[in-house]
């Protein structure tokens, strides 16, 4: 299950990652932060550093928790498209 608390740490890592970084999610539910070009064939890029910056997310715990909750809700839906 994709919970906001699991995603929160990945969002913090995403803020400090390379410019083309994304949160990649596997079908089994594991997540990792990696460059966009390293997302595996079975993984989906659930959120990007570009989108985090484009949305103007202020790096506060409350703001990151809000983004994490939104991503967790979207991960359960077909047609997930949260990557800029």
PDB file of N, CA and C in Angstrom:
ATOM      1  N   UNK A   1       0.838  -1.181   0.000  1.00  0.00           N
ATOM      2  CA  UNK A   1       0.000   0.000   0.000  1.00  0.00           C
ATOM      3  C   UNK A   1       0.886   1.248   0.000  1.00  0.00           C
ATOM      4  N   UNK A   2       0.469   2.223  -0.752  1.00  0.00           N
ATOM      5  CA  UNK A   2       1.220   3.468  -0.850  1.00  0.00           C
ATOM      6  C   UNK A   2       0.661   4.439   0.177  1.00  0.00           C
ATOM      7  N   UNK A   3       1.378   4.610   1.253  1.00  0.00           N
ATOM      8  CA  UNK A   3       0.904   5.494   2.305  1.00  0.00           C
ATOM      9  C   UNK A   3       1.653   6.817   2.254  1.00  0.00           C
ATOM     10  N   UNK A   4       0.993   7.887   2.688  1.00  0.00           N
ATOM     11  CA  UNK A   4       1.670   9.180   2.701  1.00  0.00           C
ATOM     12  C   UNK A   4       2.969   9.162   3.500  1.00  0.00           C
ATOM     13  N   UNK A   5       3.008   8.401   4.593  1.00  0.00           N
ATOM     14  CA  UNK A   5       4.233   8.387   5.402  1.00  0.00           C
ATOM     15  C   UNK A   5       5.391   7.749   4.639  1.00  0.00           C
ATOM     16  N   UNK A   6       5.125   6.749   3.815  1.00  0.00           N
ATOM     17  CA  UNK A   6       6.185   6.143   2.997  1.00  0.00           C
ATOM     18  C   UNK A   6       6.656   7.113   1.931  1.00  0.00           C
ATOM     19  N   UNK A   7       5.731   7.857   1.370  1.00  0.00           N
ATOM     20  CA  UNK A   7       6.079   8.798   0.307  1.00  0.00           C
ATOM     21  C   UNK A   7       6.809  10.030   0.831  1.00  0.00           C
ATOM     22  N   UNK A   8       6.529  10.420   2.050  1.00  0.00           N
ATOM     23  CA  UNK A   8       7.111  11.636   2.624  1.00  0.00           C
ATOM     24  C   UNK A   8       8.638  11.616   2.535  1.00  0.00           C
ATOM     25  N   UNK A   9       9.247  10.546   2.978  1.00  0.00           N
ATOM     26  CA  UNK A   9      10.701  10.440   2.940  1.00  0.00           C
ATOM     27  C   UNK A   9      11.255  10.499   1.530  1.00  0.00           C
ATOM     28  N   UNK A  10      10.514   9.928   0.596  1.00  0.00           N
ATOM     29  CA  UNK A  10      10.950   9.974  -0.793  1.00  0.00           C
ATOM     30  C   UNK A  10      10.860  11.398  -1.345  1.00  0.00           C
ATOM     31  N   UNK A  11       9.889  12.162  -0.900  1.00  0.00           N
ATOM     32  CA  UNK A  11       9.773  13.553  -1.342  1.00  0.00           C
ATOM     33  C   UNK A  11      10.925  14.388  -0.797  1.00  0.00           C
ATOM     34  N   UNK A  12      11.309  14.124   0.443  1.00  0.00           N
ATOM     35  CA  UNK A  12      12.461  14.831   1.016  1.00  0.00           C
ATOM     36  C   UNK A  12      13.706  14.503   0.196  1.00  0.00           C
ATOM     37  N   UNK A  13      13.897  13.234  -0.131  1.00  0.00           N
ATOM     38  CA  UNK A  13      15.049  12.835  -0.940  1.00  0.00           C
ATOM     39  C   UNK A  13      14.966  13.455  -2.335  1.00  0.00           C
ATOM     40  N   UNK A  14      13.779  13.545  -2.885  1.00  0.00           N
ATOM     41  CA  UNK A  14      13.582  14.110  -4.218  1.00  0.00           C
ATOM     42  C   UNK A  14      14.023  15.570  -4.275  1.00  0.00           C
ATOM     43  N   UNK A  15      13.783  16.312  -3.191  1.00  0.00           N
ATOM     44  CA  UNK A  15      14.179  17.720  -3.151  1.00  0.00           C
ATOM     45  C   UNK A  15      15.688  17.880  -3.299  1.00  0.00           C
ATOM     46  N   UNK A  16      16.452  16.895  -2.873  1.00  0.00           N
ATOM     47  CA  UNK A  16      17.912  16.982  -2.881  1.00  0.00           C
ATOM     48  C   UNK A  16      18.550  16.135  -3.974  1.00  0.00           C
ATOM     49  N   UNK A  17      17.724  15.577  -4.847  1.00  0.00           N
ATOM     50  CA  UNK A  17      18.224  14.684  -5.889  1.00  0.00           C
ATOM     51  C   UNK A  17      18.615  15.480  -7.141  1.00  0.00           C
ATOM     52  N   UNK A  18      19.127  14.764  -8.119  1.00  0.00           N
ATOM     53  CA  UNK A  18      19.506  15.393  -9.386  1.00  0.00           C
ATOM     54  C   UNK A  18      18.284  16.004 -10.060  1.00  0.00           C
ATOM     55  N   UNK A  19      18.515  16.892 -10.999  1.00  0.00           N
ATOM     56  CA  UNK A  19      17.423  17.667 -11.585  1.00  0.00           C
ATOM     57  C   UNK A  19      16.399  16.835 -12.346  1.00  0.00           C
ATOM     58  N   UNK A  20      16.768  15.682 -12.863  1.00  0.00           N
ATOM     59  CA  UNK A  20      15.805  14.858 -13.606  1.00  0.00           C
ATOM     60  C   UNK A  20      15.264  13.690 -12.772  1.00  0.00           C
ATOM     61  N   UNK A  21      15.327  13.817 -11.455  1.00  0.00           N
ATOM     62  CA  UNK A  21      14.924  12.724 -10.564  1.00  0.00           C
ATOM     63  C   UNK A  21      13.411  12.558 -10.496  1.00  0.00           C
ATOM     64  N   UNK A  22      13.008  11.320 -10.254  1.00  0.00           N
ATOM     65  CA  UNK A  22      11.598  10.969 -10.068  1.00  0.00           C
ATOM     66  C   UNK A  22      11.481   9.973  -8.915  1.00  0.00           C
ATOM     67  N   UNK A  23      10.268   9.827  -8.399  1.00  0.00           N
ATOM     68  CA  UNK A  23       9.960   8.744  -7.470  1.00  0.00           C
ATOM     69  C   UNK A  23       9.404   7.620  -8.338  1.00  0.00           C
ATOM     70  N   UNK A  24      10.134   6.526  -8.421  1.00  0.00           N
ATOM     71  CA  UNK A  24       9.719   5.371  -9.212  1.00  0.00           C
ATOM     72  C   UNK A  24       9.045   4.361  -8.289  1.00  0.00           C
ATOM     73  N   UNK A  25       7.905   3.832  -8.744  1.00  0.00           N
ATOM     74  CA  UNK A  25       7.131   2.878  -7.948  1.00  0.00           C
ATOM     75  C   UNK A  25       7.001   1.579  -8.729  1.00  0.00           C
ATOM     76  N   UNK A  26       7.335   0.478  -8.071  1.00  0.00           N
ATOM     77  CA  UNK A  26       7.236  -0.836  -8.719  1.00  0.00           C
ATOM     78  C   UNK A  26       5.830  -1.397  -8.543  1.00  0.00           C
ATOM     79  N   UNK A  27       5.452  -2.387  -9.336  1.00  0.00           N
ATOM     80  CA  UNK A  27       4.135  -3.017  -9.184  1.00  0.00           C
ATOM     81  C   UNK A  27       3.931  -3.623  -7.788  1.00  0.00           C
ATOM     82  N   UNK A  28       5.028  -4.015  -7.128  1.00  0.00           N
ATOM     83  CA  UNK A  28       4.937  -4.590  -5.785  1.00  0.00           C
ATOM     84  C   UNK A  28       4.765  -3.513  -4.721  1.00  0.00           C
ATOM     85  N   UNK A  29       4.972  -2.253  -5.103  1.00  0.00           N
ATOM     86  CA  UNK A  29       4.785  -1.159  -4.160  1.00  0.00           C
ATOM     87  C   UNK A  29       6.055  -0.555  -3.601  1.00  0.00           C
ATOM     88  N   UNK A  30       7.218  -1.102  -3.967  1.00  0.00           N
ATOM     89  CA  UNK A  30       8.452  -0.486  -3.487  1.00  0.00           C
ATOM     90  C   UNK A  30       8.682   0.824  -4.242  1.00  0.00           C
ATOM     91  N   UNK A  31       9.345   1.759  -3.574  1.00  0.00           N
ATOM     92  CA  UNK A  31       9.595   3.065  -4.162  1.00  0.00           C
ATOM     93  C   UNK A  31      11.071   3.394  -4.049  1.00  0.00           C
ATOM     94  N   UNK A  32      11.526   4.213  -5.002  1.00  0.00           N
ATOM     95  CA  UNK A  32      12.901   4.687  -4.951  1.00  0.00           C
ATOM     96  C   UNK A  32      12.988   6.001  -5.700  1.00  0.00           C
ATOM     97  N   UNK A  33      13.981   6.801  -5.365  1.00  0.00           N
ATOM     98  CA  UNK A  33      14.264   8.035  -6.082  1.00  0.00           C
ATOM     99  C   UNK A  33      15.426   7.735  -7.017  1.00  0.00           C
ATOM    100  N   UNK A  34      15.247   8.056  -8.291  1.00  0.00           N
ATOM    101  CA  UNK A  34      16.286   7.776  -9.274  1.00  0.00           C
ATOM    102  C   UNK A  34      16.163   8.764 -10.433  1.00  0.00           C
ATOM    103  N   UNK A  35      17.204   8.847 -11.274  1.00  0.00           N
ATOM    104  CA  UNK A  35      17.079   9.659 -12.480  1.00  0.00           C
ATOM    105  C   UNK A  35      15.970   9.083 -13.368  1.00  0.00           C
ATOM    106  N   UNK A  36      15.272   9.956 -14.080  1.00  0.00           N
ATOM    107  CA  UNK A  36      14.153   9.538 -14.940  1.00  0.00           C
ATOM    108  C   UNK A  36      14.567   8.416 -15.893  1.00  0.00           C
ATOM    109  N   UNK A  37      15.772   8.475 -16.430  1.00  0.00           N
ATOM    110  CA  UNK A  37      16.238   7.467 -17.378  1.00  0.00           C
ATOM    111  C   UNK A  37      16.486   6.101 -16.777  1.00  0.00           C
ATOM    112  N   UNK A  38      16.480   6.001 -15.448  1.00  0.00           N
ATOM    113  CA  UNK A  38      16.719   4.714 -14.788  1.00  0.00           C
ATOM    114  C   UNK A  38      15.443   4.039 -14.294  1.00  0.00           C
ATOM    115  N   UNK A  39      14.285   4.602 -14.606  1.00  0.00           N
ATOM    116  CA  UNK A  39      13.014   3.984 -14.214  1.00  0.00           C
ATOM    117  C   UNK A  39      12.878   2.682 -14.993  1.00  0.00           C
ATOM    118  N   UNK A  40      12.641   1.590 -14.270  1.00  0.00           N
ATOM    119  CA  UNK A  40      12.521   0.281 -14.898  1.00  0.00           C
ATOM    120  C   UNK A  40      11.254   0.128 -15.718  1.00  0.00           C
ATOM    121  N   UNK A  41      11.260  -0.862 -16.608  1.00  0.00           N
ATOM    122  CA  UNK A  41      10.121  -1.093 -17.499  1.00  0.00           C
ATOM    123  C   UNK A  41       8.836  -1.383 -16.731  1.00  0.00           C
ATOM    124  N   UNK A  42       8.935  -2.035 -15.589  1.00  0.00           N
ATOM    125  CA  UNK A  42       7.742  -2.376 -14.815  1.00  0.00           C
ATOM    126  C   UNK A  42       7.366  -1.284 -13.813  1.00  0.00           C
ATOM    127  N   UNK A  43       8.220  -0.282 -13.645  1.00  0.00           N
ATOM    128  CA  UNK A  43       7.954   0.786 -12.688  1.00  0.00           C
ATOM    129  C   UNK A  43       7.177   1.921 -13.352  1.00  0.00           C
ATOM    130  N   UNK A  44       6.545   2.743 -12.507  1.00  0.00           N
ATOM    131  CA  UNK A  44       5.961   3.990 -13.018  1.00  0.00           C
ATOM    132  C   UNK A  44       6.617   5.135 -12.282  1.00  0.00           C
ATOM    133  N   UNK A  45       6.800   6.233 -12.988  1.00  0.00           N
ATOM    134  CA  UNK A  45       7.341   7.441 -12.378  1.00  0.00           C
ATOM    135  C   UNK A  45       6.163   8.195 -11.795  1.00  0.00           C
ATOM    136  N   UNK A  46       6.021   8.149 -10.466  1.00  0.00           N
ATOM    137  CA  UNK A  46       4.839   8.685  -9.804  1.00  0.00           C
ATOM    138  C   UNK A  46       4.900  10.183  -9.556  1.00  0.00           C
ATOM    139  N   UNK A  47       6.092  10.738  -9.467  1.00  0.00           N
ATOM    140  CA  UNK A  47       6.223  12.170  -9.183  1.00  0.00           C
ATOM    141  C   UNK A  47       7.643  12.575  -9.538  1.00  0.00           C
ATOM    142  N   UNK A  48       7.811  13.796  -9.996  1.00  0.00           N
ATOM    143  CA  UNK A  48       9.141  14.240 -10.412  1.00  0.00           C
ATOM    144  C   UNK A  48       9.599  15.454  -9.622  1.00  0.00           C
ATOM    145  N   UNK A  49      10.899  15.640  -9.608  1.00  0.00           N
ATOM    146  CA  UNK A  49      11.481  16.826  -8.986  1.00  0.00           C
ATOM    147  C   UNK A  49      11.023  18.065  -9.742  1.00  0.00           C
ATOM    148  N   UNK A  50      10.933  17.957 -11.070  1.00  0.00           N
ATOM    149  CA  UNK A  50      10.447  19.075 -11.887  1.00  0.00           C
ATOM    150  C   UNK A  50       9.050  19.507 -11.454  1.00  0.00           C
ATOM    151  N   UNK A  51       8.180  18.541 -11.217  1.00  0.00           N
ATOM    152  CA  UNK A  51       6.813  18.864 -10.801  1.00  0.00           C
ATOM    153  C   UNK A  51       6.789  19.450  -9.395  1.00  0.00           C
ATOM    154  N   UNK A  52       7.616  18.923  -8.517  1.00  0.00           N
ATOM    155  CA  UNK A  52       7.712  19.463  -7.160  1.00  0.00           C
ATOM    156  C   UNK A  52       8.069  20.951  -7.212  1.00  0.00           C
ATOM    157  N   UNK A  53       9.030  21.296  -8.056  1.00  0.00           N
ATOM    158  CA  UNK A  53       9.443  22.687  -8.204  1.00  0.00           C
ATOM    159  C   UNK A  53       8.382  23.509  -8.933  1.00  0.00           C
ATOM    160  N   UNK A  54       7.784  22.950  -9.974  1.00  0.00           N
ATOM    161  CA  UNK A  54       6.766  23.672 -10.748  1.00  0.00           C
ATOM    162  C   UNK A  54       5.537  23.993  -9.907  1.00  0.00           C
ATOM    163  N   UNK A  55       5.199  23.101  -8.998  1.00  0.00           N
ATOM    164  CA  UNK A  55       4.052  23.331  -8.127  1.00  0.00           C
ATOM    165  C   UNK A  55       4.382  24.316  -7.013  1.00  0.00           C
ATOM    166  N   UNK A  56       5.652  24.662  -6.874  1.00  0.00           N
ATOM    167  CA  UNK A  56       6.059  25.617  -5.847  1.00  0.00           C
ATOM    168  C   UNK A  56       5.859  25.100  -4.441  1.00  0.00           C
ATOM    169  N   UNK A  57       6.066  23.808  -4.245  1.00  0.00           N
ATOM    170  CA  UNK A  57       5.889  23.204  -2.927  1.00  0.00           C
ATOM    171  C   UNK A  57       6.937  23.769  -1.975  1.00  0.00           C
ATOM    172  N   UNK A  58       6.470  24.352  -0.904  1.00  0.00           N
ATOM    173  CA  UNK A  58       7.360  24.879   0.127  1.00  0.00           C
ATOM    174  C   UNK A  58       7.813  23.680   0.972  1.00  0.00           C
ATOM    175  N   UNK A  59       9.112  23.521   1.175  1.00  0.00           N
ATOM    176  CA  UNK A  59       9.596  22.323   1.868  1.00  0.00           C
ATOM    177  C   UNK A  59       9.344  22.347   3.381  1.00  0.00           C
ATOM    178  N   UNK A  60       8.084  22.376   3.749  1.00  0.00           N
ATOM    179  CA  UNK A  60       7.706  22.262   5.159  1.00  0.00           C
ATOM    180  C   UNK A  60       7.078  20.890   5.358  1.00  0.00           C
ATOM    181  N   UNK A  61       7.111  20.363   6.563  1.00  0.00           N
ATOM    182  CA  UNK A  61       6.493  19.061   6.798  1.00  0.00           C
ATOM    183  C   UNK A  61       5.020  19.014   6.356  1.00  0.00           C
ATOM    184  N   UNK A  62       4.266  20.041   6.659  1.00  0.00           N
ATOM    185  CA  UNK A  62       2.840  20.039   6.297  1.00  0.00           C
ATOM    186  C   UNK A  62       2.651  20.015   4.784  1.00  0.00           C
ATOM    187  N   UNK A  63       3.411  20.808   4.063  1.00  0.00           N
ATOM    188  CA  UNK A  63       3.272  20.855   2.605  1.00  0.00           C
ATOM    189  C   UNK A  63       3.680  19.525   1.972  1.00  0.00           C
ATOM    190  N   UNK A  64       4.772  18.934   2.459  1.00  0.00           N
ATOM    191  CA  UNK A  64       5.206  17.654   1.912  1.00  0.00           C
ATOM    192  C   UNK A  64       4.226  16.540   2.250  1.00  0.00           C
ATOM    193  N   UNK A  65       3.624  16.588   3.429  1.00  0.00           N
ATOM    194  CA  UNK A  65       2.621  15.590   3.787  1.00  0.00           C
ATOM    195  C   UNK A  65       1.390  15.716   2.885  1.00  0.00           C
ATOM    196  N   UNK A  66       1.026  16.937   2.529  1.00  0.00           N
ATOM    197  CA  UNK A  66      -0.112  17.147   1.636  1.00  0.00           C
ATOM    198  C   UNK A  66       0.163  16.559   0.251  1.00  0.00           C
ATOM    199  N   UNK A  67       1.355  16.808  -0.265  1.00  0.00           N
ATOM    200  CA  UNK A  67       1.733  16.239  -1.563  1.00  0.00           C
ATOM    201  C   UNK A  67       1.771  14.715  -1.475  1.00  0.00           C
ATOM    202  N   UNK A  68       2.345  14.184  -0.418  1.00  0.00           N
ATOM    203  CA  UNK A  68       2.423  12.724  -0.241  1.00  0.00           C
ATOM    204  C   UNK A  68       1.030  12.106  -0.192  1.00  0.00           C
ATOM    205  N   UNK A  69       0.102  12.744   0.483  1.00  0.00           N
ATOM    206  CA  UNK A  69      -1.273  12.226   0.554  1.00  0.00           C
ATOM    207  C   UNK A  69      -1.918  12.221  -0.824  1.00  0.00           C
ATOM    208  N   UNK A  70      -1.675  13.264  -1.593  1.00  0.00           N
ATOM    209  CA  UNK A  70      -2.243  13.344  -2.945  1.00  0.00           C
ATOM    210  C   UNK A  70      -1.671  12.251  -3.844  1.00  0.00           C
ATOM    211  N   UNK A  71      -0.356  12.047  -3.776  1.00  0.00           N
ATOM    212  CA  UNK A  71       0.268  11.001  -4.586  1.00  0.00           C
ATOM    213  C   UNK A  71      -0.245   9.627  -4.180  1.00  0.00           C
ATOM    214  N   UNK A  72      -0.340   9.377  -2.880  1.00  0.00           N
ATOM    215  CA  UNK A  72      -0.828   8.082  -2.394  1.00  0.00           C
ATOM    216  C   UNK A  72      -2.235   7.809  -2.913  1.00  0.00           C
ATOM    217  N   UNK A  73      -3.076   8.836  -2.940  1.00  0.00           N
ATOM    218  CA  UNK A  73      -4.437   8.667  -3.452  1.00  0.00           C
ATOM    219  C   UNK A  73      -4.424   8.371  -4.951  1.00  0.00           C
ATOM    220  N   UNK A  74      -3.553   9.047  -5.691  1.00  0.00           N
ATOM    221  CA  UNK A  74      -3.477   8.853  -7.135  1.00  0.00           C
ATOM    222  C   UNK A  74      -2.869   7.513  -7.521  1.00  0.00           C
ATOM    223  N   UNK A  75      -1.986   6.963  -6.701  1.00  0.00           N
ATOM    224  CA  UNK A  75      -1.340   5.700  -7.046  1.00  0.00           C
ATOM    225  C   UNK A  75      -2.328   4.549  -7.164  1.00  0.00           C
ATOM    226  N   UNK A  76      -3.478   4.681  -6.567  1.00  0.00           N
ATOM    227  CA  UNK A  76      -4.484   3.631  -6.655  1.00  0.00           C
ATOM    228  C   UNK A  76      -5.362   3.723  -7.885  1.00  0.00           C
ATOM    229  N   UNK A  77      -5.168   4.757  -8.701  1.00  0.00           N
ATOM    230  CA  UNK A  77      -6.019   4.971  -9.867  1.00  0.00           C
ATOM    231  C   UNK A  77      -5.297   4.636 -11.171  1.00  0.00           C
ATOM    232  N   UNK A  78      -6.051   4.128 -12.142  1.00  0.00           N
ATOM    233  CA  UNK A  78      -5.512   3.891 -13.464  1.00  0.00           C
ATOM    234  C   UNK A  78      -5.191   5.236 -14.103  1.00  0.00           C
ATOM    235  N   UNK A  79      -4.247   5.240 -14.994  1.00  0.00           N
ATOM    236  CA  UNK A  79      -3.917   6.452 -15.712  1.00  0.00           C
ATOM    237  C   UNK A  79      -3.142   7.461 -14.881  1.00  0.00           C
ATOM    238  N   UNK A  80      -2.409   6.989 -13.916  1.00  0.00           N
ATOM    239  CA  UNK A  80      -1.603   7.870 -13.063  1.00  0.00           C
ATOM    240  C   UNK A  80      -0.679   8.709 -13.944  1.00  0.00           C
ATOM    241  N   UNK A  81      -0.709  10.009 -13.761  1.00  0.00           N
ATOM    242  CA  UNK A  81       0.162  10.896 -14.508  1.00  0.00           C
ATOM    243  C   UNK A  81       0.509  12.090 -13.643  1.00  0.00           C
ATOM    244  N   UNK A  82       1.482  11.918 -12.774  1.00  0.00           N
ATOM    245  CA  UNK A  82       1.897  12.981 -11.881  1.00  0.00           C
ATOM    246  C   UNK A  82       3.295  13.488 -12.188  1.00  0.00           C
ATOM    247  N   UNK A  83       3.826  13.107 -13.318  1.00  0.00           N
ATOM    248  CA  UNK A  83       5.188  13.497 -13.646  1.00  0.00           C
ATOM    249  C   UNK A  83       5.156  14.618 -14.660  1.00  0.00           C
ATOM    250  N   UNK A  84       5.886  15.688 -14.364  1.00  0.00           N
ATOM    251  CA  UNK A  84       5.950  16.820 -15.291  1.00  0.00           C
ATOM    252  C   UNK A  84       6.777  16.453 -16.498  1.00  0.00           C
TER     253      UNK A  84
END
